[in-house]
Amino acid sequence: MVMKNLYRDAEHPFAQYIRIIGKGKTGARSLSFDEARAAMGMILRGEVLDVQLGAFLMLLRVKEETPEELAGFVAAAREAMAAPRDIAVDLDWSSYAGKRKHYPWFLLAVKLLVANGVRVFMHGASGHTLNRLYTEDVLPLLGLRRCADWNEARAAIAADGFAYLPLDALCPPLGAMIGLRNVMGLRSPVHTLARLLNPLDAPYVMQAIFHPAYRASHQAAAALLGYRDSCVIKGEGGEIERNPDGSCLALRLVNGEKQEEEWPMLFPTRHAPEDAFVLDDFLAVWRGEKAHEYGEMAVVGTLALALRTLRRATSQDEALAMARAWWQARDRSALA
């Protein structure tokens, strides 16, 4: 099919941004913060053609986004979201990957944070990658509320200290773009920038990436966005979950200063992935009816990282000790 060229006599305003990143090995360059912000603003306002959007996203995917580009994209998205300023939360937690090999143990860590008075706002997306268990499918089993809009989120935070809002509700154009995963066959920059959104300006931000090279980009972008305290790790399956079978490098911002913290592995050998997800068994671990060596330590390890990010603990040992104490003192009847 041949597209009708509506811009035969004048260049489309968005063409300049495609040209900047796509003009060959010697002519191309990365976008500046302001250029990235302007480009994403046009996309979110529906001012680009589908063919332009596809070209732009895939060129970025091939070259990989710089921190300045990521920060500019996030700035445009935050403007488009127009999130309310009257919802106070402590911790921003993004969940965009879904789980394939292990249960979403990080959600039990989140439940413990909420039970101990930490107000958590979570955002994410589901269904964009095949054969994964997504957060949205598990939250109702944990008594954690999935909200449809900001009014519901406000009420949920006030009543329960937790709210989850899907990207489709946060920013519908971004939700549509992340859904292109199965059309393109590849993830796009949306999977990256969404993790940095922090819509409610939480003072503490947790992020996870799947590819280790993105850790430094996320840390640098968070600094450019003015976040003061954040932590980014290579999470299990791309979620904010510490894999206890390996070491964990946490790139942090602590009061705006970049820091690195290496957490040693918690087990000397690797555990096998799950054969299948049986959520009754997952809940039984919380209730103490089943033991799960890997899962329980994934909860504790993830919780310890969060406690360090929240500056509730001054060392790894203190964070792990506090996390173990919270796990042992959990209300096992809460998921009866």
C-alpha atoms as a PDB file:
ATOM      1  CA  MET A   1       0.000   0.000   0.000  1.00  0.00           C
ATOM      2  CA  VAL A   2       1.344   3.426  -0.948  1.00  0.00           C
ATOM      3  CA  MET A   3       0.654   6.225   1.510  1.00  0.00           C
ATOM      4  CA  LYS A   4      -0.580   9.501   0.146  1.00  0.00           C
ATOM      5  CA  ASN A   5       2.077  12.129   0.756  1.00  0.00           C
ATOM      6  CA  LEU A   6       0.349  15.021   2.485  1.00  0.00           C
ATOM      7  CA  TYR A   7       3.634  16.880   2.940  1.00  0.00           C
ATOM      8  CA  ARG A   8       4.937  17.041  -0.636  1.00  0.00           C
ATOM      9  CA  ASP A   9       5.481  20.802  -0.524  1.00  0.00           C
ATOM     10  CA  ALA A  10       6.397  21.344   3.130  1.00  0.00           C
ATOM     11  CA  GLU A  11       8.275  19.294   5.697  1.00  0.00           C
ATOM     12  CA  HIS A  12       6.312  17.857   8.597  1.00  0.00           C
ATOM     13  CA  PRO A  13       7.326  19.607  11.850  1.00  0.00           C
ATOM     14  CA  PHE A  14       8.292  16.287  13.448  1.00  0.00           C
ATOM     15  CA  ALA A  15      10.650  15.305  10.627  1.00  0.00           C
ATOM     16  CA  GLN A  16      13.492  17.307  12.184  1.00  0.00           C
ATOM     17  CA  TYR A  17      13.623  14.988  15.198  1.00  0.00           C
ATOM     18  CA  ILE A  18      13.750  11.843  13.072  1.00  0.00           C
ATOM     19  CA  ARG A  19      16.523  13.404  10.999  1.00  0.00           C
ATOM     20  CA  ILE A  20      18.602  14.316  14.071  1.00  0.00           C
ATOM     21  CA  ILE A  21      18.832  10.708  15.294  1.00  0.00           C
ATOM     22  CA  GLY A  22      18.643   8.970  11.920  1.00  0.00           C
ATOM     23  CA  LYS A  23      21.014  10.858   9.609  1.00  0.00           C
ATOM     24  CA  GLY A  24      23.586   8.102   9.233  1.00  0.00           C
ATOM     25  CA  LYS A  25      26.675   7.144  11.186  1.00  0.00           C
ATOM     26  CA  THR A  26      28.423  10.485  10.779  1.00  0.00           C
ATOM     27  CA  GLY A  27      25.471  12.870  10.550  1.00  0.00           C
ATOM     28  CA  ALA A  28      23.273  11.605  13.356  1.00  0.00           C
ATOM     29  CA  ARG A  29      23.440  12.716  16.964  1.00  0.00           C
ATOM     30  CA  SER A  30      21.398  12.337  20.119  1.00  0.00           C
ATOM     31  CA  LEU A  31      18.627  14.739  21.041  1.00  0.00           C
ATOM     32  CA  SER A  32      19.201  17.407  23.641  1.00  0.00           C
ATOM     33  CA  PHE A  33      16.923  17.533  26.681  1.00  0.00           C
ATOM     34  CA  ASP A  34      14.851  20.309  25.111  1.00  0.00           C
ATOM     35  CA  GLU A  35      14.613  18.520  21.752  1.00  0.00           C
ATOM     36  CA  ALA A  36      13.552  15.275  23.420  1.00  0.00           C
ATOM     37  CA  ARG A  37      10.968  17.106  25.473  1.00  0.00           C
ATOM     38  CA  ALA A  38       9.562  18.847  22.400  1.00  0.00           C
ATOM     39  CA  ALA A  39       9.510  15.637  20.344  1.00  0.00           C
ATOM     40  CA  MET A  40       7.717  13.625  23.023  1.00  0.00           C
ATOM     41  CA  GLY A  41       5.302  16.486  23.567  1.00  0.00           C
ATOM     42  CA  MET A  42       4.298  16.328  19.903  1.00  0.00           C
ATOM     43  CA  ILE A  43       3.854  12.559  20.121  1.00  0.00           C
ATOM     44  CA  LEU A  44       1.667  12.760  23.205  1.00  0.00           C
ATOM     45  CA  ARG A  45      -0.490  15.472  21.653  1.00  0.00           C
ATOM     46  CA  GLY A  46      -1.090  13.287  18.590  1.00  0.00           C
ATOM     47  CA  GLU A  47       0.784  15.603  16.242  1.00  0.00           C
ATOM     48  CA  VAL A  48       2.847  12.930  14.461  1.00  0.00           C
ATOM     49  CA  LEU A  49       2.023  10.354  11.796  1.00  0.00           C
ATOM     50  CA  ASP A  50       2.072   6.657  12.634  1.00  0.00           C
ATOM     51  CA  VAL A  51       4.960   6.053  10.242  1.00  0.00           C
ATOM     52  CA  GLN A  52       6.944   8.810  11.975  1.00  0.00           C
ATOM     53  CA  LEU A  53       6.273   7.367  15.399  1.00  0.00           C
ATOM     54  CA  GLY A  54       7.433   3.907  14.328  1.00  0.00           C
ATOM     55  CA  ALA A  55      10.592   5.259  12.752  1.00  0.00           C
ATOM     56  CA  PHE A  56      11.384   7.440  15.761  1.00  0.00           C
ATOM     57  CA  LEU A  57      10.891   4.698  18.331  1.00  0.00           C
ATOM     58  CA  MET A  58      12.953   2.133  16.439  1.00  0.00           C
ATOM     59  CA  LEU A  59      15.806   4.530  15.698  1.00  0.00           C
ATOM     60  CA  LEU A  60      15.979   5.240  19.421  1.00  0.00           C
ATOM     61  CA  ARG A  61      15.822   1.538  20.185  1.00  0.00           C
ATOM     62  CA  VAL A  62      18.815   0.847  17.935  1.00  0.00           C
ATOM     63  CA  LYS A  63      20.982   3.705  19.205  1.00  0.00           C
ATOM     64  CA  GLU A  64      19.764   3.526  22.849  1.00  0.00           C
ATOM     65  CA  GLU A  65      18.560   6.586  24.711  1.00  0.00           C
ATOM     66  CA  THR A  66      20.911   8.993  26.448  1.00  0.00           C
ATOM     67  CA  PRO A  67      20.105  10.283  29.947  1.00  0.00           C
ATOM     68  CA  GLU A  68      19.254  13.681  28.424  1.00  0.00           C
ATOM     69  CA  GLU A  69      16.784  12.074  26.025  1.00  0.00           C
ATOM     70  CA  LEU A  70      15.200   9.997  28.764  1.00  0.00           C
ATOM     71  CA  ALA A  71      14.852  13.006  31.047  1.00  0.00           C
ATOM     72  CA  GLY A  72      13.354  15.093  28.239  1.00  0.00           C
ATOM     73  CA  PHE A  73      10.839  12.378  27.387  1.00  0.00           C
ATOM     74  CA  VAL A  74       9.856  12.029  31.029  1.00  0.00           C
ATOM     75  CA  ALA A  75       9.471  15.793  31.436  1.00  0.00           C
ATOM     76  CA  ALA A  76       7.053  15.878  28.481  1.00  0.00           C
ATOM     77  CA  ALA A  77       5.127  12.901  29.816  1.00  0.00           C
ATOM     78  CA  ARG A  78       4.812  14.453  33.269  1.00  0.00           C
ATOM     79  CA  GLU A  79       3.402  17.606  31.691  1.00  0.00           C
ATOM     80  CA  ALA A  80       0.904  15.563  29.681  1.00  0.00           C
ATOM     81  CA  MET A  81      -0.209  13.550  32.716  1.00  0.00           C
ATOM     82  CA  ALA A  82      -1.065  16.593  34.797  1.00  0.00           C
ATOM     83  CA  ALA A  83      -1.074  14.474  37.945  1.00  0.00           C
ATOM     84  CA  PRO A  84      -2.751  16.006  41.019  1.00  0.00           C
ATOM     85  CA  ARG A  85      -0.517  17.763  43.524  1.00  0.00           C
ATOM     86  CA  ASP A  86      -2.562  16.878  46.614  1.00  0.00           C
ATOM     87  CA  ILE A  87      -1.747  13.153  46.913  1.00  0.00           C
ATOM     88  CA  ALA A  88       1.184  12.657  49.281  1.00  0.00           C
ATOM     89  CA  VAL A  89       3.165   9.430  48.957  1.00  0.00           C
ATOM     90  CA  ASP A  90       6.552   8.290  50.207  1.00  0.00           C
ATOM     91  CA  LEU A  91       7.765   5.843  47.572  1.00  0.00           C
ATOM     92  CA  ASP A  92       7.277   5.594  43.809  1.00  0.00           C
ATOM     93  CA  TRP A  93       7.412   2.009  42.538  1.00  0.00           C
ATOM     94  CA  SER A  94       7.194   1.162  38.830  1.00  0.00           C
ATOM     95  CA  SER A  95       6.159  -2.277  37.552  1.00  0.00           C
ATOM     96  CA  TYR A  96       6.307  -2.733  33.789  1.00  0.00           C
ATOM     97  CA  ALA A  97       8.067  -6.032  33.102  1.00  0.00           C
ATOM     98  CA  GLY A  98       5.958  -8.885  34.446  1.00  0.00           C
ATOM     99  CA  LYS A  99       7.423 -12.127  35.759  1.00  0.00           C
ATOM    100  CA  ARG A 100       8.320 -15.229  33.734  1.00  0.00           C
ATOM    101  CA  LYS A 101      10.640 -17.389  35.871  1.00  0.00           C
ATOM    102  CA  HIS A 102       9.803 -16.536  39.471  1.00  0.00           C
ATOM    103  CA  TYR A 103       6.758 -15.362  41.396  1.00  0.00           C
ATOM    104  CA  PRO A 104       6.386 -11.596  41.959  1.00  0.00           C
ATOM    105  CA  TRP A 105       7.993 -11.726  45.389  1.00  0.00           C
ATOM    106  CA  PHE A 106       8.531  -7.961  45.263  1.00  0.00           C
ATOM    107  CA  LEU A 107       4.790  -7.501  45.818  1.00  0.00           C
ATOM    108  CA  LEU A 108       5.100  -9.127  49.242  1.00  0.00           C
ATOM    109  CA  ALA A 109       7.890  -6.659  50.018  1.00  0.00           C
ATOM    110  CA  VAL A 110       5.570  -3.822  48.962  1.00  0.00           C
ATOM    111  CA  LYS A 111       2.814  -5.220  51.175  1.00  0.00           C
ATOM    112  CA  LEU A 112       5.213  -5.174  54.120  1.00  0.00           C
ATOM    113  CA  LEU A 113       6.200  -1.577  53.402  1.00  0.00           C
ATOM    114  CA  VAL A 114       2.549  -0.536  53.352  1.00  0.00           C
ATOM    115  CA  ALA A 115       1.815  -2.497  56.531  1.00  0.00           C
ATOM    116  CA  ASN A 116       4.608  -0.571  58.238  1.00  0.00           C
ATOM    117  CA  GLY A 117       3.323   2.865  57.284  1.00  0.00           C
ATOM    118  CA  VAL A 118       5.125   3.570  53.993  1.00  0.00           C
ATOM    119  CA  ARG A 119       2.757   5.143  51.449  1.00  0.00           C
ATOM    120  CA  VAL A 120       3.461   3.528  48.075  1.00  0.00           C
ATOM    121  CA  PHE A 121       2.277   4.637  44.659  1.00  0.00           C
ATOM    122  CA  MET A 122       2.761   2.002  41.988  1.00  0.00           C
ATOM    123  CA  HIS A 123       2.288   2.371  38.251  1.00  0.00           C
ATOM    124  CA  GLY A 124       2.744  -0.123  35.455  1.00  0.00           C
ATOM    125  CA  ALA A 125       1.365  -1.872  32.406  1.00  0.00           C
ATOM    126  CA  SER A 126       0.315  -5.389  31.508  1.00  0.00           C
ATOM    127  CA  GLY A 127      -0.089  -7.569  28.461  1.00  0.00           C
ATOM    128  CA  HIS A 128       2.567  -5.943  26.283  1.00  0.00           C
ATOM    129  CA  THR A 129       4.878  -8.980  26.392  1.00  0.00           C
ATOM    130  CA  LEU A 130       3.595 -12.513  25.958  1.00  0.00           C
ATOM    131  CA  ASN A 131       3.787 -15.298  28.556  1.00  0.00           C
ATOM    132  CA  ARG A 132       4.321 -13.165  31.637  1.00  0.00           C
ATOM    133  CA  LEU A 133       2.528 -12.819  34.956  1.00  0.00           C
ATOM    134  CA  TYR A 134       1.745  -9.144  35.497  1.00  0.00           C
ATOM    135  CA  THR A 135       1.354  -7.162  38.683  1.00  0.00           C
ATOM    136  CA  GLU A 136      -2.220  -6.172  37.833  1.00  0.00           C
ATOM    137  CA  ASP A 137      -3.225  -9.853  37.918  1.00  0.00           C
ATOM    138  CA  VAL A 138      -1.845 -10.407  41.423  1.00  0.00           C
ATOM    139  CA  LEU A 139      -2.706  -7.191  43.283  1.00  0.00           C
ATOM    140  CA  PRO A 140      -6.344  -8.142  44.082  1.00  0.00           C
ATOM    141  CA  LEU A 141      -5.140 -11.324  45.800  1.00  0.00           C
ATOM    142  CA  LEU A 142      -2.939  -9.233  48.089  1.00  0.00           C
ATOM    143  CA  GLY A 143      -5.592  -6.707  49.049  1.00  0.00           C
ATOM    144  CA  LEU A 144      -3.732  -3.991  47.133  1.00  0.00           C
ATOM    145  CA  ARG A 145      -5.977  -1.751  45.105  1.00  0.00           C
ATOM    146  CA  ARG A 146      -5.794  -1.286  41.331  1.00  0.00           C
ATOM    147  CA  CYS A 147      -7.345   2.091  40.584  1.00  0.00           C
ATOM    148  CA  ALA A 148      -9.004   3.429  37.454  1.00  0.00           C
ATOM    149  CA  ASP A 149      -8.291   7.140  37.878  1.00  0.00           C
ATOM    150  CA  TRP A 150      -6.728   9.740  40.143  1.00  0.00           C
ATOM    151  CA  ASN A 151      -9.830  10.047  42.327  1.00  0.00           C
ATOM    152  CA  GLU A 152      -9.696   6.347  43.147  1.00  0.00           C
ATOM    153  CA  ALA A 153      -5.945   6.573  43.725  1.00  0.00           C
ATOM    154  CA  ARG A 154      -6.396   9.483  46.127  1.00  0.00           C
ATOM    155  CA  ALA A 155      -8.978   7.522  48.121  1.00  0.00           C
ATOM    156  CA  ALA A 156      -6.855   4.356  48.126  1.00  0.00           C
ATOM    157  CA  ILE A 157      -3.750   6.153  49.407  1.00  0.00           C
ATOM    158  CA  ALA A 158      -5.790   7.844  52.135  1.00  0.00           C
ATOM    159  CA  ALA A 159      -7.455   4.611  53.234  1.00  0.00           C
ATOM    160  CA  ASP A 160      -4.795   1.969  52.637  1.00  0.00           C
ATOM    161  CA  GLY A 161      -1.461   3.695  51.988  1.00  0.00           C
ATOM    162  CA  PHE A 162      -1.227   2.103  48.541  1.00  0.00           C
ATOM    163  CA  ALA A 163      -2.547   2.698  45.042  1.00  0.00           C
ATOM    164  CA  TYR A 164      -1.748   1.226  41.640  1.00  0.00           C
ATOM    165  CA  LEU A 165      -2.627   3.133  38.479  1.00  0.00           C
ATOM    166  CA  PRO A 166      -2.028   1.608  35.033  1.00  0.00           C
ATOM    167  CA  LEU A 167      -0.170   3.542  32.386  1.00  0.00           C
ATOM    168  CA  ASP A 168      -3.343   3.570  30.277  1.00  0.00           C
ATOM    169  CA  ALA A 169      -4.937   5.756  32.965  1.00  0.00           C
ATOM    170  CA  LEU A 170      -1.821   7.807  33.738  1.00  0.00           C
ATOM    171  CA  CYS A 171      -1.128   8.753  30.143  1.00  0.00           C
ATOM    172  CA  PRO A 172      -3.239   7.005  27.466  1.00  0.00           C
ATOM    173  CA  PRO A 173      -0.857   7.811  24.567  1.00  0.00           C
ATOM    174  CA  LEU A 174       2.043   6.185  26.440  1.00  0.00           C
ATOM    175  CA  GLY A 175      -0.183   3.214  27.241  1.00  0.00           C
ATOM    176  CA  ALA A 176      -0.942   2.811  23.542  1.00  0.00           C
ATOM    177  CA  MET A 177       2.737   3.076  22.657  1.00  0.00           C
ATOM    178  CA  ILE A 178       3.868   0.448  25.139  1.00  0.00           C
ATOM    179  CA  GLY A 179       1.243  -1.835  23.607  1.00  0.00           C
ATOM    180  CA  LEU A 180       3.161  -1.759  20.312  1.00  0.00           C
ATOM    181  CA  ARG A 181       5.614  -4.334  21.693  1.00  0.00           C
ATOM    182  CA  ASN A 182       4.011  -7.177  19.757  1.00  0.00           C
ATOM    183  CA  VAL A 183       3.601  -5.036  16.629  1.00  0.00           C
ATOM    184  CA  MET A 184       7.243  -3.985  16.464  1.00  0.00           C
ATOM    185  CA  GLY A 185       8.690  -7.191  17.874  1.00  0.00           C
ATOM    186  CA  LEU A 186      10.893  -5.046  20.118  1.00  0.00           C
ATOM    187  CA  ARG A 187      10.547  -2.956  23.215  1.00  0.00           C
ATOM    188  CA  SER A 188      10.638   0.793  22.738  1.00  0.00           C
ATOM    189  CA  PRO A 189      11.896   3.742  24.813  1.00  0.00           C
ATOM    190  CA  VAL A 190       8.481   3.830  26.496  1.00  0.00           C
ATOM    191  CA  HIS A 191       9.444   0.743  28.504  1.00  0.00           C
ATOM    192  CA  THR A 192      12.401   2.728  29.811  1.00  0.00           C
ATOM    193  CA  LEU A 193      10.968   6.190  30.373  1.00  0.00           C
ATOM    194  CA  ALA A 194       7.826   4.871  32.096  1.00  0.00           C
ATOM    195  CA  ARG A 195       9.938   3.625  34.986  1.00  0.00           C
ATOM    196  CA  LEU A 196      11.145   7.178  35.625  1.00  0.00           C
ATOM    197  CA  LEU A 197       7.769   8.935  35.630  1.00  0.00           C
ATOM    198  CA  ASN A 198       7.277   9.366  39.396  1.00  0.00           C
ATOM    199  CA  PRO A 199       3.915  11.060  38.720  1.00  0.00           C
ATOM    200  CA  LEU A 200       3.226  12.144  42.312  1.00  0.00           C
ATOM    201  CA  ASP A 201       6.715  13.505  43.034  1.00  0.00           C
ATOM    202  CA  ALA A 202       7.416  10.905  45.692  1.00  0.00           C
ATOM    203  CA  PRO A 203      10.606  11.828  47.559  1.00  0.00           C
ATOM    204  CA  TYR A 204      11.938   8.273  47.130  1.00  0.00           C
ATOM    205  CA  VAL A 205      11.975   6.375  43.829  1.00  0.00           C
ATOM    206  CA  MET A 206      12.663   2.697  43.099  1.00  0.00           C
ATOM    207  CA  GLN A 207      13.420   1.512  39.562  1.00  0.00           C
ATOM    208  CA  ALA A 208      14.535  -1.685  37.885  1.00  0.00           C
ATOM    209  CA  ILE A 209      15.948  -2.452  34.481  1.00  0.00           C
ATOM    210  CA  PHE A 210      16.532  -5.730  32.638  1.00  0.00           C
ATOM    211  CA  HIS A 211      19.734  -4.855  30.752  1.00  0.00           C
ATOM    212  CA  PRO A 212      22.603  -3.795  33.064  1.00  0.00           C
ATOM    213  CA  ALA A 213      23.763  -1.041  30.688  1.00  0.00           C
ATOM    214  CA  TYR A 214      20.603   0.948  31.452  1.00  0.00           C
ATOM    215  CA  ARG A 215      21.434   1.291  35.150  1.00  0.00           C
ATOM    216  CA  ALA A 216      23.727   4.282  34.670  1.00  0.00           C
ATOM    217  CA  SER A 217      21.307   5.947  32.219  1.00  0.00           C
ATOM    218  CA  HIS A 218      18.477   5.698  34.729  1.00  0.00           C
ATOM    219  CA  GLN A 219      20.613   7.061  37.549  1.00  0.00           C
ATOM    220  CA  ALA A 220      21.782   9.989  35.418  1.00  0.00           C
ATOM    221  CA  ALA A 221      18.273  10.716  34.093  1.00  0.00           C
ATOM    222  CA  ALA A 222      16.884  10.696  37.632  1.00  0.00           C
ATOM    223  CA  ALA A 223      19.509  13.269  38.603  1.00  0.00           C
ATOM    224  CA  LEU A 224      18.622  15.448  35.602  1.00  0.00           C
ATOM    225  CA  LEU A 225      14.958  15.279  36.633  1.00  0.00           C
ATOM    226  CA  GLY A 226      15.840  16.559  40.088  1.00  0.00           C
ATOM    227  CA  TYR A 227      15.074  13.372  42.010  1.00  0.00           C
ATOM    228  CA  ARG A 228      16.916  13.426  45.313  1.00  0.00           C
ATOM    229  CA  ASP A 229      16.739   9.825  46.502  1.00  0.00           C
ATOM    230  CA  SER A 230      16.424   6.938  44.074  1.00  0.00           C
ATOM    231  CA  CYS A 231      17.692   3.430  43.488  1.00  0.00           C
ATOM    232  CA  VAL A 232      17.972   1.480  40.247  1.00  0.00           C
ATOM    233  CA  ILE A 233      18.929  -2.194  40.038  1.00  0.00           C
ATOM    234  CA  LYS A 234      18.981  -4.966  37.477  1.00  0.00           C
ATOM    235  CA  GLY A 235      15.848  -6.575  38.827  1.00  0.00           C
ATOM    236  CA  GLU A 236      14.749 -10.175  38.434  1.00  0.00           C
ATOM    237  CA  GLY A 237      12.884 -10.297  35.133  1.00  0.00           C
ATOM    238  CA  GLY A 238      13.088  -6.504  34.938  1.00  0.00           C
ATOM    239  CA  GLU A 239      10.958  -5.902  38.036  1.00  0.00           C
ATOM    240  CA  ILE A 240      12.138  -4.198  41.243  1.00  0.00           C
ATOM    241  CA  GLU A 241      13.102  -7.453  42.877  1.00  0.00           C
ATOM    242  CA  ARG A 242      16.460  -8.543  44.184  1.00  0.00           C
ATOM    243  CA  ASN A 243      17.594 -11.942  42.948  1.00  0.00           C
ATOM    244  CA  PRO A 244      19.162 -13.553  46.022  1.00  0.00           C
ATOM    245  CA  ASP A 245      21.152 -15.967  43.863  1.00  0.00           C
ATOM    246  CA  GLY A 246      23.443 -13.231  42.566  1.00  0.00           C
ATOM    247  CA  SER A 247      25.129 -10.033  43.612  1.00  0.00           C
ATOM    248  CA  CYS A 248      23.192  -6.808  43.153  1.00  0.00           C
ATOM    249  CA  LEU A 249      24.670  -3.473  42.109  1.00  0.00           C
ATOM    250  CA  ALA A 250      22.441  -0.605  43.247  1.00  0.00           C
ATOM    251  CA  LEU A 251      23.042   2.779  41.632  1.00  0.00           C
ATOM    252  CA  ARG A 252      21.581   5.342  43.983  1.00  0.00           C
ATOM    253  CA  LEU A 253      20.962   9.015  44.398  1.00  0.00           C
ATOM    254  CA  VAL A 254      21.307   9.958  48.047  1.00  0.00           C
ATOM    255  CA  ASN A 255      20.252  13.540  48.651  1.00  0.00           C
ATOM    256  CA  GLY A 256      21.038  14.181  45.000  1.00  0.00           C
ATOM    257  CA  GLU A 257      24.519  12.641  45.042  1.00  0.00           C
ATOM    258  CA  LYS A 258      25.364   9.584  42.913  1.00  0.00           C
ATOM    259  CA  GLN A 259      26.436   6.503  44.831  1.00  0.00           C
ATOM    260  CA  GLU A 260      27.081   2.837  44.037  1.00  0.00           C
ATOM    261  CA  GLU A 261      26.379   0.026  46.447  1.00  0.00           C
ATOM    262  CA  GLU A 262      27.226  -3.625  45.805  1.00  0.00           C
ATOM    263  CA  TRP A 263      25.058  -6.153  47.644  1.00  0.00           C
ATOM    264  CA  PRO A 264      26.575  -9.655  47.858  1.00  0.00           C
ATOM    265  CA  MET A 265      24.721 -12.775  46.799  1.00  0.00           C
ATOM    266  CA  LEU A 266      22.637 -14.406  49.523  1.00  0.00           C
ATOM    267  CA  PHE A 267      22.898 -18.009  48.282  1.00  0.00           C
ATOM    268  CA  PRO A 268      25.988 -19.799  46.937  1.00  0.00           C
ATOM    269  CA  THR A 269      24.063 -21.692  44.240  1.00  0.00           C
ATOM    270  CA  ARG A 270      21.183 -20.822  41.939  1.00  0.00           C
ATOM    271  CA  HIS A 271      17.617 -21.975  42.465  1.00  0.00           C
ATOM    272  CA  ALA A 272      15.557 -23.452  39.663  1.00  0.00           C
ATOM    273  CA  PRO A 273      12.758 -21.288  38.220  1.00  0.00           C
ATOM    274  CA  GLU A 274       9.134 -22.196  38.816  1.00  0.00           C
ATOM    275  CA  ASP A 275       7.613 -24.892  36.634  1.00  0.00           C
ATOM    276  CA  ALA A 276       4.308 -23.026  36.731  1.00  0.00           C
ATOM    277  CA  PHE A 277       2.698 -20.207  38.661  1.00  0.00           C
ATOM    278  CA  VAL A 278       0.262 -21.472  41.296  1.00  0.00           C
ATOM    279  CA  LEU A 279      -0.824 -18.338  43.105  1.00  0.00           C
ATOM    280  CA  ASP A 280      -2.332 -20.285  46.009  1.00  0.00           C
ATOM    281  CA  ASP A 281       1.188 -21.539  46.745  1.00  0.00           C
ATOM    282  CA  PHE A 282       2.525 -17.985  46.482  1.00  0.00           C
ATOM    283  CA  LEU A 283       0.002 -16.760  49.050  1.00  0.00           C
ATOM    284  CA  ALA A 284       0.702 -19.775  51.270  1.00  0.00           C
ATOM    285  CA  VAL A 285       4.288 -18.563  51.698  1.00  0.00           C
ATOM    286  CA  TRP A 286       2.997 -15.323  53.214  1.00  0.00           C
ATOM    287  CA  ARG A 287       0.675 -17.286  55.505  1.00  0.00           C
ATOM    288  CA  GLY A 288       3.552 -19.485  56.644  1.00  0.00           C
ATOM    289  CA  GLU A 289       1.874 -22.616  55.298  1.00  0.00           C
ATOM    290  CA  LYS A 290       4.644 -23.279  52.772  1.00  0.00           C
ATOM    291  CA  ALA A 291       8.362 -22.635  52.898  1.00  0.00           C
ATOM    292  CA  HIS A 292      10.123 -21.162  49.885  1.00  0.00           C
ATOM    293  CA  GLU A 293      13.824 -20.519  50.439  1.00  0.00           C
ATOM    294  CA  TYR A 294      14.339 -18.431  47.305  1.00  0.00           C
ATOM    295  CA  GLY A 295      11.093 -16.513  47.595  1.00  0.00           C
ATOM    296  CA  GLU A 296      11.416 -15.567  51.235  1.00  0.00           C
ATOM    297  CA  MET A 297      14.934 -14.270  50.687  1.00  0.00           C
ATOM    298  CA  ALA A 298      13.802 -12.384  47.561  1.00  0.00           C
ATOM    299  CA  VAL A 299      11.220 -10.626  49.722  1.00  0.00           C
ATOM    300  CA  VAL A 300      13.754  -9.817  52.433  1.00  0.00           C
ATOM    301  CA  GLY A 301      16.421  -8.694  49.962  1.00  0.00           C
ATOM    302  CA  THR A 302      14.034  -6.471  48.027  1.00  0.00           C
ATOM    303  CA  LEU A 303      12.647  -4.979  51.226  1.00  0.00           C
ATOM    304  CA  ALA A 304      16.185  -4.259  52.447  1.00  0.00           C
ATOM    305  CA  LEU A 305      16.928  -2.327  49.247  1.00  0.00           C
ATOM    306  CA  ALA A 306      13.761  -0.294  49.741  1.00  0.00           C
ATOM    307  CA  LEU A 307      14.658   0.468  53.353  1.00  0.00           C
ATOM    308  CA  ARG A 308      18.084   1.720  52.248  1.00  0.00           C
ATOM    309  CA  THR A 309      16.461   3.879  49.570  1.00  0.00           C
ATOM    310  CA  LEU A 310      14.019   5.278  52.136  1.00  0.00           C
ATOM    311  CA  ARG A 311      17.004   5.984  54.407  1.00  0.00           C
ATOM    312  CA  ARG A 312      15.460   3.893  57.162  1.00  0.00           C
ATOM    313  CA  ALA A 313      18.734   1.954  57.543  1.00  0.00           C
ATOM    314  CA  THR A 314      22.306   3.233  57.585  1.00  0.00           C
ATOM    315  CA  SER A 315      23.952   0.040  56.330  1.00  0.00           C
ATOM    316  CA  GLN A 316      23.190  -3.125  54.387  1.00  0.00           C
ATOM    317  CA  ASP A 317      23.364  -5.226  57.545  1.00  0.00           C
ATOM    318  CA  GLU A 318      20.912  -2.963  59.343  1.00  0.00           C
ATOM    319  CA  ALA A 319      18.565  -2.990  56.338  1.00  0.00           C
ATOM    320  CA  LEU A 320      18.648  -6.787  56.102  1.00  0.00           C
ATOM    321  CA  ALA A 321      18.064  -7.177  59.832  1.00  0.00           C
ATOM    322  CA  MET A 322      15.099  -4.811  59.717  1.00  0.00           C
ATOM    323  CA  ALA A 323      13.704  -6.561  56.638  1.00  0.00           C
ATOM    324  CA  ARG A 324      13.971  -9.969  58.296  1.00  0.00           C
ATOM    325  CA  ALA A 325      12.238  -8.623  61.400  1.00  0.00           C
ATOM    326  CA  TRP A 326       9.378  -7.181  59.332  1.00  0.00           C
ATOM    327  CA  TRP A 327       8.990 -10.468  57.465  1.00  0.00           C
ATOM    328  CA  GLN A 328       8.891 -12.486  60.677  1.00  0.00           C
ATOM    329  CA  ALA A 329       6.386 -10.067  62.252  1.00  0.00           C
ATOM    330  CA  ARG A 330       4.052  -9.977  59.235  1.00  0.00           C
ATOM    331  CA  ASP A 331       0.339 -10.414  59.765  1.00  0.00           C
ATOM    332  CA  ARG A 332      -0.025 -13.913  58.336  1.00  0.00           C
ATOM    333  CA  SER A 333      -3.804 -13.702  58.549  1.00  0.00           C
ATOM    334  CA  ALA A 334      -3.868 -10.691  56.223  1.00  0.00           C
ATOM    335  CA  LEU A 335      -4.023 -13.008  53.207  1.00  0.00           C
ATOM    336  CA  ALA A 336      -6.249 -15.669  54.726  1.00  0.00           C
END
